[in-house]
Amino acid sequence: MKDKITAFIDGLIIYDYILFGSVFTLFILFIVLAILLRRKVKLAIFLSIFSFLILFVGPIVGYIQMHKFLFKNSITLTYQKKLNFTKAVVLKGILKNESKFDFKSCKITASAYKVSGNAIKDMIFPFKPFKKMSILEYDIKKGDVRGFKIIVEPFTYSKDFNISVGASCN
């Protein structure tokens, strides 16, 4: 756990610090406003609750949305084949850097999940894939297109399945 926290802090960029600072400033501002308006109890309680909501939800939602915007990418799966004589699935695709920044690294993850005839189960199965495989790509310049190949093995599932591919870049 300590390693994950250390890696997270080491991976922060200047925009993250600006986000966290502005969220903390808003928290302090609303708390001071609630103290100043303490005579109006309902408004003071609302501002206090709102300030704590900003303090706890703001950094999480802000971090996720900001990184979606700053490190925008798209993945296109061009080839998928389950091999007959080897217990593996071969995936080929294209990763495109659509952001205004260069990526230091991208973790491309392929997830295989079951498919059933039930619509409710088909919505739930992607959240719990039965097989995942990841690769890393380094130094992707802005606007650059990079091809990748992932071999998911051992792949012993014999029924109907789908594969989703996603990338997390920084």
N, C-alpha and C. Protein backbone atom coordinates (compact mmCIF):
# COMPACT_ATOMS: atom_id res chain seq x y z
N MET A 1 0.82 -1.19 0.00
CA MET A 1 0.00 0.00 0.00
C MET A 1 0.87 1.26 0.00
N LYS A 2 1.95 1.20 0.78
CA LYS A 2 2.85 2.34 0.86
C LYS A 2 3.48 2.62 -0.51
N ASP A 3 3.79 1.55 -1.25
CA ASP A 3 4.38 1.70 -2.58
C ASP A 3 3.41 2.34 -3.56
N LYS A 4 2.13 1.98 -3.46
CA LYS A 4 1.12 2.57 -4.35
C LYS A 4 0.94 4.05 -4.08
N ILE A 5 0.93 4.42 -2.80
CA ILE A 5 0.78 5.83 -2.45
C ILE A 5 2.00 6.63 -2.90
N THR A 6 3.19 6.06 -2.70
CA THR A 6 4.41 6.72 -3.13
C THR A 6 4.45 6.87 -4.65
N ALA A 7 4.03 5.84 -5.38
CA ALA A 7 4.00 5.91 -6.84
C ALA A 7 2.99 6.96 -7.31
N PHE A 8 1.84 7.05 -6.62
CA PHE A 8 0.83 8.05 -6.98
C PHE A 8 1.38 9.45 -6.78
N ILE A 9 2.01 9.70 -5.65
CA ILE A 9 2.55 11.03 -5.36
C ILE A 9 3.67 11.38 -6.33
N ASP A 10 4.51 10.41 -6.67
CA ASP A 10 5.59 10.67 -7.63
C ASP A 10 5.06 10.97 -9.03
N GLY A 11 3.88 10.44 -9.36
CA GLY A 11 3.30 10.63 -10.69
C GLY A 11 2.48 11.89 -10.84
N LEU A 12 2.35 12.69 -9.77
CA LEU A 12 1.55 13.91 -9.87
C LEU A 12 2.25 14.95 -10.75
N ILE A 13 1.44 15.69 -11.49
CA ILE A 13 1.96 16.75 -12.34
C ILE A 13 1.52 18.09 -11.78
N ILE A 14 1.98 19.18 -12.34
CA ILE A 14 1.70 20.52 -11.83
C ILE A 14 0.19 20.81 -11.82
N TYR A 15 -0.54 20.30 -12.80
CA TYR A 15 -1.98 20.52 -12.86
C TYR A 15 -2.69 19.85 -11.68
N ASP A 16 -2.16 18.73 -11.22
CA ASP A 16 -2.75 18.06 -10.06
C ASP A 16 -2.60 18.92 -8.81
N TYR A 17 -1.42 19.50 -8.63
CA TYR A 17 -1.21 20.37 -7.48
C TYR A 17 -2.10 21.61 -7.53
N ILE A 18 -2.29 22.15 -8.72
CA ILE A 18 -3.19 23.30 -8.88
C ILE A 18 -4.62 22.89 -8.53
N LEU A 19 -5.05 21.73 -8.99
CA LEU A 19 -6.39 21.23 -8.68
C LEU A 19 -6.57 21.05 -7.18
N PHE A 20 -5.63 20.36 -6.53
CA PHE A 20 -5.76 20.10 -5.10
C PHE A 20 -5.72 21.40 -4.30
N GLY A 21 -4.89 22.33 -4.70
CA GLY A 21 -4.82 23.63 -4.02
C GLY A 21 -6.09 24.42 -4.16
N SER A 22 -6.68 24.41 -5.37
CA SER A 22 -7.93 25.17 -5.57
C SER A 22 -9.09 24.53 -4.82
N VAL A 23 -9.12 23.20 -4.75
CA VAL A 23 -10.17 22.53 -3.98
C VAL A 23 -10.04 22.87 -2.50
N PHE A 24 -8.82 22.86 -1.98
CA PHE A 24 -8.62 23.21 -0.57
C PHE A 24 -8.98 24.67 -0.31
N THR A 25 -8.66 25.55 -1.25
CA THR A 25 -9.02 26.96 -1.11
C THR A 25 -10.53 27.14 -1.08
N LEU A 26 -11.24 26.43 -1.96
CA LEU A 26 -12.71 26.49 -1.95
C LEU A 26 -13.26 25.97 -0.63
N PHE A 27 -12.67 24.91 -0.10
CA PHE A 27 -13.10 24.37 1.19
C PHE A 27 -12.97 25.43 2.28
N ILE A 28 -11.81 26.05 2.35
CA ILE A 28 -11.57 27.08 3.36
C ILE A 28 -12.54 28.25 3.17
N LEU A 29 -12.76 28.67 1.92
CA LEU A 29 -13.65 29.78 1.62
C LEU A 29 -15.07 29.50 2.11
N PHE A 30 -15.59 28.31 1.82
CA PHE A 30 -16.96 27.99 2.23
C PHE A 30 -17.07 27.80 3.75
N ILE A 31 -16.03 27.28 4.39
CA ILE A 31 -16.05 27.17 5.85
C ILE A 31 -16.07 28.56 6.49
N VAL A 32 -15.24 29.46 6.00
CA VAL A 32 -15.22 30.84 6.52
C VAL A 32 -16.57 31.51 6.28
N LEU A 33 -17.14 31.27 5.12
CA LEU A 33 -18.46 31.84 4.81
C LEU A 33 -19.53 31.28 5.75
N ALA A 34 -19.44 29.99 6.07
CA ALA A 34 -20.39 29.37 7.00
C ALA A 34 -20.23 29.96 8.40
N ILE A 35 -18.98 30.23 8.80
CA ILE A 35 -18.74 30.83 10.12
C ILE A 35 -19.30 32.25 10.15
N LEU A 36 -19.09 33.00 9.09
CA LEU A 36 -19.59 34.37 9.04
C LEU A 36 -21.12 34.43 9.05
N LEU A 37 -21.75 33.43 8.45
CA LEU A 37 -23.22 33.39 8.38
C LEU A 37 -23.81 32.44 9.43
N ARG A 38 -23.17 32.33 10.58
CA ARG A 38 -23.62 31.39 11.60
C ARG A 38 -24.98 31.76 12.20
N ARG A 39 -25.41 32.99 12.04
CA ARG A 39 -26.72 33.40 12.55
C ARG A 39 -27.86 32.76 11.73
N LYS A 40 -27.57 32.53 10.46
CA LYS A 40 -28.54 31.84 9.60
C LYS A 40 -28.15 30.37 9.60
N VAL A 41 -28.76 29.63 10.51
CA VAL A 41 -28.32 28.27 10.82
C VAL A 41 -28.44 27.34 9.62
N LYS A 42 -29.55 27.37 8.93
CA LYS A 42 -29.74 26.45 7.80
C LYS A 42 -28.70 26.71 6.70
N LEU A 43 -28.45 27.96 6.40
CA LEU A 43 -27.47 28.30 5.38
C LEU A 43 -26.06 27.92 5.83
N ALA A 44 -25.76 28.13 7.10
CA ALA A 44 -24.44 27.77 7.63
C ALA A 44 -24.22 26.26 7.58
N ILE A 45 -25.24 25.49 7.93
CA ILE A 45 -25.13 24.02 7.87
C ILE A 45 -24.97 23.57 6.43
N PHE A 46 -25.76 24.16 5.52
CA PHE A 46 -25.63 23.81 4.10
C PHE A 46 -24.23 24.11 3.58
N LEU A 47 -23.70 25.28 3.90
CA LEU A 47 -22.35 25.64 3.44
C LEU A 47 -21.29 24.73 4.05
N SER A 48 -21.46 24.32 5.29
CA SER A 48 -20.51 23.41 5.92
C SER A 48 -20.52 22.04 5.23
N ILE A 49 -21.71 21.52 5.00
CA ILE A 49 -21.83 20.22 4.32
C ILE A 49 -21.28 20.32 2.90
N PHE A 50 -21.62 21.41 2.22
CA PHE A 50 -21.13 21.61 0.86
C PHE A 50 -19.61 21.72 0.81
N SER A 51 -19.02 22.38 1.79
CA SER A 51 -17.56 22.53 1.81
C SER A 51 -16.88 21.18 2.03
N PHE A 52 -17.43 20.35 2.92
CA PHE A 52 -16.84 19.02 3.12
C PHE A 52 -17.07 18.12 1.91
N LEU A 53 -18.18 18.28 1.24
CA LEU A 53 -18.42 17.54 0.00
C LEU A 53 -17.39 17.93 -1.05
N ILE A 54 -17.11 19.21 -1.17
CA ILE A 54 -16.08 19.68 -2.10
C ILE A 54 -14.72 19.11 -1.71
N LEU A 55 -14.42 19.08 -0.41
CA LEU A 55 -13.12 18.60 0.06
C LEU A 55 -12.90 17.13 -0.26
N PHE A 56 -13.94 16.31 -0.13
CA PHE A 56 -13.76 14.87 -0.32
C PHE A 56 -14.05 14.39 -1.74
N VAL A 57 -15.00 15.01 -2.43
CA VAL A 57 -15.37 14.56 -3.78
C VAL A 57 -14.60 15.32 -4.86
N GLY A 58 -14.31 16.58 -4.61
CA GLY A 58 -13.66 17.43 -5.61
C GLY A 58 -12.34 16.89 -6.14
N PRO A 59 -11.40 16.51 -5.27
CA PRO A 59 -10.12 16.00 -5.79
C PRO A 59 -10.26 14.72 -6.60
N ILE A 60 -11.15 13.84 -6.18
CA ILE A 60 -11.30 12.56 -6.88
C ILE A 60 -11.88 12.78 -8.27
N VAL A 61 -13.03 13.45 -8.33
CA VAL A 61 -13.70 13.69 -9.61
C VAL A 61 -12.83 14.59 -10.49
N GLY A 62 -12.24 15.62 -9.90
CA GLY A 62 -11.39 16.53 -10.66
C GLY A 62 -10.18 15.83 -11.25
N TYR A 63 -9.53 14.97 -10.47
CA TYR A 63 -8.36 14.23 -10.94
C TYR A 63 -8.72 13.32 -12.11
N ILE A 64 -9.83 12.60 -11.97
CA ILE A 64 -10.25 11.67 -13.04
C ILE A 64 -10.60 12.44 -14.31
N GLN A 65 -11.40 13.49 -14.19
CA GLN A 65 -11.83 14.24 -15.38
C GLN A 65 -10.66 14.99 -16.02
N MET A 66 -9.78 15.53 -15.21
CA MET A 66 -8.64 16.27 -15.75
C MET A 66 -7.70 15.34 -16.51
N HIS A 67 -7.47 14.14 -15.98
CA HIS A 67 -6.59 13.21 -16.66
C HIS A 67 -7.24 12.63 -17.91
N LYS A 68 -8.57 12.51 -17.93
CA LYS A 68 -9.24 12.11 -19.17
C LYS A 68 -9.04 13.17 -20.25
N PHE A 69 -9.07 14.44 -19.86
CA PHE A 69 -8.90 15.53 -20.82
C PHE A 69 -7.43 15.68 -21.23
N LEU A 70 -6.53 15.69 -20.26
CA LEU A 70 -5.12 15.94 -20.57
C LEU A 70 -4.46 14.78 -21.32
N PHE A 71 -4.81 13.56 -20.98
CA PHE A 71 -4.16 12.39 -21.55
C PHE A 71 -5.14 11.59 -22.40
N LYS A 72 -5.83 12.29 -23.27
CA LYS A 72 -6.84 11.67 -24.13
C LYS A 72 -6.17 10.79 -25.17
N ASN A 73 -6.70 9.59 -25.33
CA ASN A 73 -6.19 8.67 -26.34
C ASN A 73 -7.35 7.85 -26.88
N SER A 74 -7.10 7.22 -28.01
CA SER A 74 -8.11 6.33 -28.57
C SER A 74 -7.44 5.03 -29.00
N ILE A 75 -8.18 3.95 -28.84
CA ILE A 75 -7.68 2.63 -29.21
C ILE A 75 -8.64 2.01 -30.20
N THR A 76 -8.09 1.47 -31.26
CA THR A 76 -8.87 0.76 -32.25
C THR A 76 -8.34 -0.66 -32.33
N LEU A 77 -9.22 -1.62 -32.14
CA LEU A 77 -8.84 -3.03 -32.24
C LEU A 77 -8.99 -3.44 -33.69
N THR A 78 -7.89 -3.84 -34.33
CA THR A 78 -7.92 -4.15 -35.76
C THR A 78 -7.96 -5.64 -36.06
N TYR A 79 -7.52 -6.46 -35.10
CA TYR A 79 -7.43 -7.89 -35.36
C TYR A 79 -7.60 -8.64 -34.05
N GLN A 80 -8.43 -9.69 -34.09
CA GLN A 80 -8.63 -10.54 -32.92
C GLN A 80 -8.81 -11.96 -33.41
N LYS A 81 -8.00 -12.87 -32.88
CA LYS A 81 -8.11 -14.27 -33.31
C LYS A 81 -7.77 -15.19 -32.17
N LYS A 82 -8.62 -16.16 -31.95
CA LYS A 82 -8.34 -17.20 -30.97
C LYS A 82 -7.58 -18.30 -31.71
N LEU A 83 -6.41 -18.63 -31.21
CA LEU A 83 -5.58 -19.63 -31.85
C LEU A 83 -6.11 -21.03 -31.56
N ASN A 84 -6.00 -21.93 -32.55
CA ASN A 84 -6.55 -23.28 -32.41
C ASN A 84 -5.62 -24.24 -31.68
N PHE A 85 -4.33 -24.19 -31.99
CA PHE A 85 -3.40 -25.18 -31.45
C PHE A 85 -2.67 -24.70 -30.21
N THR A 86 -2.86 -23.46 -29.85
CA THR A 86 -2.26 -22.88 -28.65
C THR A 86 -3.37 -22.22 -27.85
N LYS A 87 -3.27 -22.29 -26.54
CA LYS A 87 -4.29 -21.68 -25.69
C LYS A 87 -3.99 -20.19 -25.55
N ALA A 88 -4.33 -19.44 -26.61
CA ALA A 88 -4.04 -18.02 -26.61
C ALA A 88 -4.97 -17.28 -27.56
N VAL A 89 -5.09 -15.97 -27.33
CA VAL A 89 -5.82 -15.06 -28.21
C VAL A 89 -4.86 -13.95 -28.60
N VAL A 90 -4.79 -13.66 -29.90
CA VAL A 90 -3.91 -12.61 -30.40
C VAL A 90 -4.76 -11.39 -30.73
N LEU A 91 -4.32 -10.24 -30.22
CA LEU A 91 -5.00 -8.97 -30.48
C LEU A 91 -4.01 -8.00 -31.09
N LYS A 92 -4.45 -7.32 -32.13
CA LYS A 92 -3.64 -6.26 -32.72
C LYS A 92 -4.51 -5.01 -32.77
N GLY A 93 -3.88 -3.87 -32.54
CA GLY A 93 -4.65 -2.65 -32.54
C GLY A 93 -3.77 -1.43 -32.74
N ILE A 94 -4.41 -0.27 -32.69
CA ILE A 94 -3.73 1.00 -32.90
C ILE A 94 -4.07 1.92 -31.73
N LEU A 95 -3.04 2.53 -31.16
CA LEU A 95 -3.18 3.52 -30.10
C LEU A 95 -2.83 4.88 -30.67
N LYS A 96 -3.72 5.85 -30.49
CA LYS A 96 -3.47 7.19 -31.01
C LYS A 96 -3.47 8.18 -29.86
N ASN A 97 -2.44 9.02 -29.81
CA ASN A 97 -2.33 10.08 -28.81
C ASN A 97 -3.12 11.28 -29.32
N GLU A 98 -4.26 11.57 -28.70
CA GLU A 98 -5.11 12.68 -29.11
C GLU A 98 -4.97 13.88 -28.19
N SER A 99 -4.04 13.85 -27.26
CA SER A 99 -3.88 14.95 -26.32
C SER A 99 -2.91 15.99 -26.87
N LYS A 100 -2.70 17.03 -26.09
CA LYS A 100 -1.77 18.08 -26.47
C LYS A 100 -0.41 17.89 -25.81
N PHE A 101 -0.21 16.73 -25.19
CA PHE A 101 1.02 16.43 -24.49
C PHE A 101 1.62 15.13 -25.02
N ASP A 102 2.91 14.96 -24.81
CA ASP A 102 3.58 13.70 -25.11
C ASP A 102 3.34 12.74 -23.95
N PHE A 103 3.15 11.46 -24.27
CA PHE A 103 2.98 10.46 -23.24
C PHE A 103 4.33 9.85 -22.90
N LYS A 104 4.63 9.74 -21.61
CA LYS A 104 5.84 9.04 -21.18
C LYS A 104 5.63 7.54 -21.34
N SER A 105 4.45 7.08 -20.91
CA SER A 105 4.14 5.66 -21.03
C SER A 105 2.63 5.47 -21.11
N CYS A 106 2.24 4.36 -21.71
CA CYS A 106 0.83 3.96 -21.78
C CYS A 106 0.73 2.49 -21.41
N LYS A 107 -0.18 2.21 -20.50
CA LYS A 107 -0.45 0.83 -20.14
C LYS A 107 -1.70 0.40 -20.89
N ILE A 108 -1.54 -0.49 -21.84
CA ILE A 108 -2.64 -0.98 -22.66
C ILE A 108 -3.10 -2.30 -22.06
N THR A 109 -4.39 -2.39 -21.72
CA THR A 109 -4.93 -3.56 -21.05
C THR A 109 -6.05 -4.17 -21.88
N ALA A 110 -5.95 -5.49 -22.10
CA ALA A 110 -7.00 -6.25 -22.77
C ALA A 110 -7.70 -7.10 -21.73
N SER A 111 -9.04 -7.03 -21.71
CA SER A 111 -9.83 -7.78 -20.74
C SER A 111 -10.83 -8.65 -21.48
N ALA A 112 -10.84 -9.93 -21.14
CA ALA A 112 -11.79 -10.87 -21.74
C ALA A 112 -12.89 -11.16 -20.73
N TYR A 113 -14.12 -11.10 -21.20
CA TYR A 113 -15.25 -11.36 -20.31
C TYR A 113 -16.30 -12.20 -21.03
N LYS A 114 -17.11 -12.89 -20.23
CA LYS A 114 -18.13 -13.79 -20.73
C LYS A 114 -19.25 -13.03 -21.44
N VAL A 115 -19.96 -13.75 -22.29
CA VAL A 115 -21.16 -13.22 -22.95
C VAL A 115 -22.26 -14.25 -22.76
N SER A 116 -23.42 -13.79 -22.31
CA SER A 116 -24.57 -14.67 -22.17
C SER A 116 -25.73 -14.06 -22.96
N GLY A 117 -26.83 -14.72 -22.98
CA GLY A 117 -28.00 -14.19 -23.67
C GLY A 117 -28.78 -13.21 -22.82
N ASN A 118 -28.45 -13.13 -21.54
CA ASN A 118 -29.17 -12.28 -20.60
C ASN A 118 -28.61 -10.87 -20.64
N ALA A 119 -29.48 -9.88 -20.85
CA ALA A 119 -29.03 -8.49 -20.98
C ALA A 119 -28.44 -7.95 -19.68
N ILE A 120 -29.01 -8.36 -18.55
CA ILE A 120 -28.50 -7.87 -17.26
C ILE A 120 -27.11 -8.45 -16.99
N LYS A 121 -26.93 -9.73 -17.24
CA LYS A 121 -25.61 -10.35 -17.04
C LYS A 121 -24.58 -9.76 -18.00
N ASP A 122 -24.99 -9.45 -19.22
CA ASP A 122 -24.06 -8.87 -20.18
C ASP A 122 -23.60 -7.47 -19.77
N MET A 123 -24.40 -6.77 -18.96
CA MET A 123 -23.96 -5.47 -18.43
C MET A 123 -23.01 -5.66 -17.25
N ILE A 124 -23.13 -6.74 -16.52
CA ILE A 124 -22.33 -6.98 -15.32
C ILE A 124 -20.98 -7.62 -15.66
N PHE A 125 -20.93 -8.53 -16.61
CA PHE A 125 -19.72 -9.29 -16.92
C PHE A 125 -18.49 -8.43 -17.26
N PRO A 126 -18.61 -7.29 -17.97
CA PRO A 126 -17.41 -6.49 -18.23
C PRO A 126 -16.72 -5.95 -16.98
N PHE A 127 -17.44 -5.85 -15.86
CA PHE A 127 -16.83 -5.38 -14.62
C PHE A 127 -15.96 -6.45 -13.96
N LYS A 128 -16.16 -7.71 -14.32
CA LYS A 128 -15.40 -8.80 -13.72
C LYS A 128 -14.85 -9.69 -14.84
N PRO A 129 -13.80 -9.23 -15.53
CA PRO A 129 -13.23 -10.05 -16.60
C PRO A 129 -12.56 -11.30 -16.03
N PHE A 130 -12.60 -12.37 -16.81
CA PHE A 130 -11.97 -13.60 -16.34
C PHE A 130 -10.50 -13.69 -16.76
N LYS A 131 -10.07 -12.85 -17.67
CA LYS A 131 -8.66 -12.83 -18.07
C LYS A 131 -8.25 -11.42 -18.46
N LYS A 132 -7.10 -10.97 -17.95
CA LYS A 132 -6.57 -9.64 -18.28
C LYS A 132 -5.09 -9.79 -18.64
N MET A 133 -4.68 -8.97 -19.59
CA MET A 133 -3.27 -8.94 -19.98
C MET A 133 -2.93 -7.50 -20.32
N SER A 134 -1.75 -7.05 -19.92
CA SER A 134 -1.34 -5.66 -20.15
C SER A 134 0.05 -5.61 -20.76
N ILE A 135 0.26 -4.54 -21.54
CA ILE A 135 1.59 -4.23 -22.07
C ILE A 135 1.85 -2.75 -21.84
N LEU A 136 3.11 -2.37 -21.91
CA LEU A 136 3.50 -0.96 -21.76
C LEU A 136 4.12 -0.47 -23.06
N GLU A 137 3.73 0.72 -23.47
CA GLU A 137 4.34 1.41 -24.60
C GLU A 137 4.92 2.71 -24.07
N TYR A 138 6.11 3.06 -24.52
CA TYR A 138 6.81 4.24 -24.01
C TYR A 138 6.99 5.30 -25.10
N ASP A 139 7.11 6.55 -24.66
CA ASP A 139 7.45 7.70 -25.50
C ASP A 139 6.55 7.82 -26.73
N ILE A 140 5.32 8.19 -26.51
CA ILE A 140 4.37 8.41 -27.61
C ILE A 140 4.16 9.91 -27.73
N LYS A 141 4.59 10.48 -28.82
CA LYS A 141 4.50 11.93 -29.06
C LYS A 141 3.06 12.30 -29.38
N LYS A 142 2.74 13.61 -29.23
CA LYS A 142 1.38 14.05 -29.50
C LYS A 142 1.05 13.87 -30.98
N GLY A 143 -0.14 13.34 -31.23
CA GLY A 143 -0.58 13.06 -32.59
C GLY A 143 -0.03 11.77 -33.16
N ASP A 144 0.83 11.08 -32.42
CA ASP A 144 1.47 9.87 -32.90
C ASP A 144 0.49 8.70 -32.86
N VAL A 145 0.66 7.78 -33.81
CA VAL A 145 -0.14 6.56 -33.88
C VAL A 145 0.81 5.39 -33.71
N ARG A 146 0.49 4.50 -32.78
CA ARG A 146 1.38 3.39 -32.48
C ARG A 146 0.59 2.09 -32.55
N GLY A 147 1.11 1.12 -33.28
CA GLY A 147 0.50 -0.19 -33.34
C GLY A 147 0.96 -1.04 -32.16
N PHE A 148 0.10 -1.95 -31.74
CA PHE A 148 0.46 -2.83 -30.64
C PHE A 148 -0.09 -4.23 -30.89
N LYS A 149 0.50 -5.19 -30.18
CA LYS A 149 0.08 -6.58 -30.28
C LYS A 149 0.10 -7.16 -28.88
N ILE A 150 -1.01 -7.76 -28.49
CA ILE A 150 -1.13 -8.39 -27.18
C ILE A 150 -1.51 -9.85 -27.39
N ILE A 151 -0.81 -10.73 -26.71
CA ILE A 151 -1.15 -12.15 -26.72
C ILE A 151 -1.68 -12.49 -25.33
N VAL A 152 -2.96 -12.84 -25.27
CA VAL A 152 -3.59 -13.20 -24.01
C VAL A 152 -3.46 -14.71 -23.85
N GLU A 153 -2.67 -15.12 -22.87
CA GLU A 153 -2.46 -16.54 -22.64
C GLU A 153 -2.28 -16.83 -21.17
N PRO A 154 -2.51 -17.96 -20.65
CA PRO A 154 -3.25 -19.06 -21.27
C PRO A 154 -4.74 -18.73 -21.31
N PHE A 155 -5.35 -19.00 -22.41
CA PHE A 155 -6.75 -18.68 -22.64
C PHE A 155 -7.49 -19.99 -22.87
N THR A 156 -8.14 -20.50 -21.83
CA THR A 156 -8.78 -21.81 -21.90
C THR A 156 -10.29 -21.75 -22.02
N TYR A 157 -10.86 -20.55 -22.04
CA TYR A 157 -12.31 -20.40 -22.10
C TYR A 157 -12.81 -20.81 -23.48
N SER A 158 -13.79 -21.69 -23.54
CA SER A 158 -14.24 -22.23 -24.83
C SER A 158 -15.58 -21.67 -25.29
N LYS A 159 -16.31 -20.99 -24.43
CA LYS A 159 -17.62 -20.47 -24.81
C LYS A 159 -17.47 -19.09 -25.44
N ASP A 160 -18.61 -18.43 -25.67
CA ASP A 160 -18.63 -17.12 -26.31
C ASP A 160 -18.06 -16.06 -25.35
N PHE A 161 -17.23 -15.15 -25.87
CA PHE A 161 -16.61 -14.12 -25.06
C PHE A 161 -16.42 -12.85 -25.88
N ASN A 162 -16.18 -11.75 -25.19
CA ASN A 162 -15.83 -10.48 -25.81
C ASN A 162 -14.53 -10.00 -25.18
N ILE A 163 -13.83 -9.16 -25.92
CA ILE A 163 -12.60 -8.58 -25.41
C ILE A 163 -12.69 -7.07 -25.55
N SER A 164 -12.36 -6.38 -24.45
CA SER A 164 -12.30 -4.92 -24.49
C SER A 164 -10.85 -4.49 -24.26
N VAL A 165 -10.47 -3.41 -24.92
CA VAL A 165 -9.10 -2.90 -24.81
C VAL A 165 -9.18 -1.45 -24.37
N GLY A 166 -8.33 -1.10 -23.40
CA GLY A 166 -8.28 0.27 -22.91
C GLY A 166 -6.84 0.66 -22.62
N ALA A 167 -6.60 1.97 -22.52
CA ALA A 167 -5.26 2.46 -22.25
C ALA A 167 -5.28 3.53 -21.18
N SER A 168 -4.30 3.48 -20.33
CA SER A 168 -4.10 4.50 -19.31
C SER A 168 -2.73 5.11 -19.54
N CYS A 169 -2.70 6.40 -19.92
CA CYS A 169 -1.45 7.03 -20.30
C CYS A 169 -1.09 8.16 -19.33
N ASN A 170 0.19 8.44 -19.27
CA ASN A 170 0.66 9.58 -18.50
C ASN A 170 1.94 10.13 -19.08
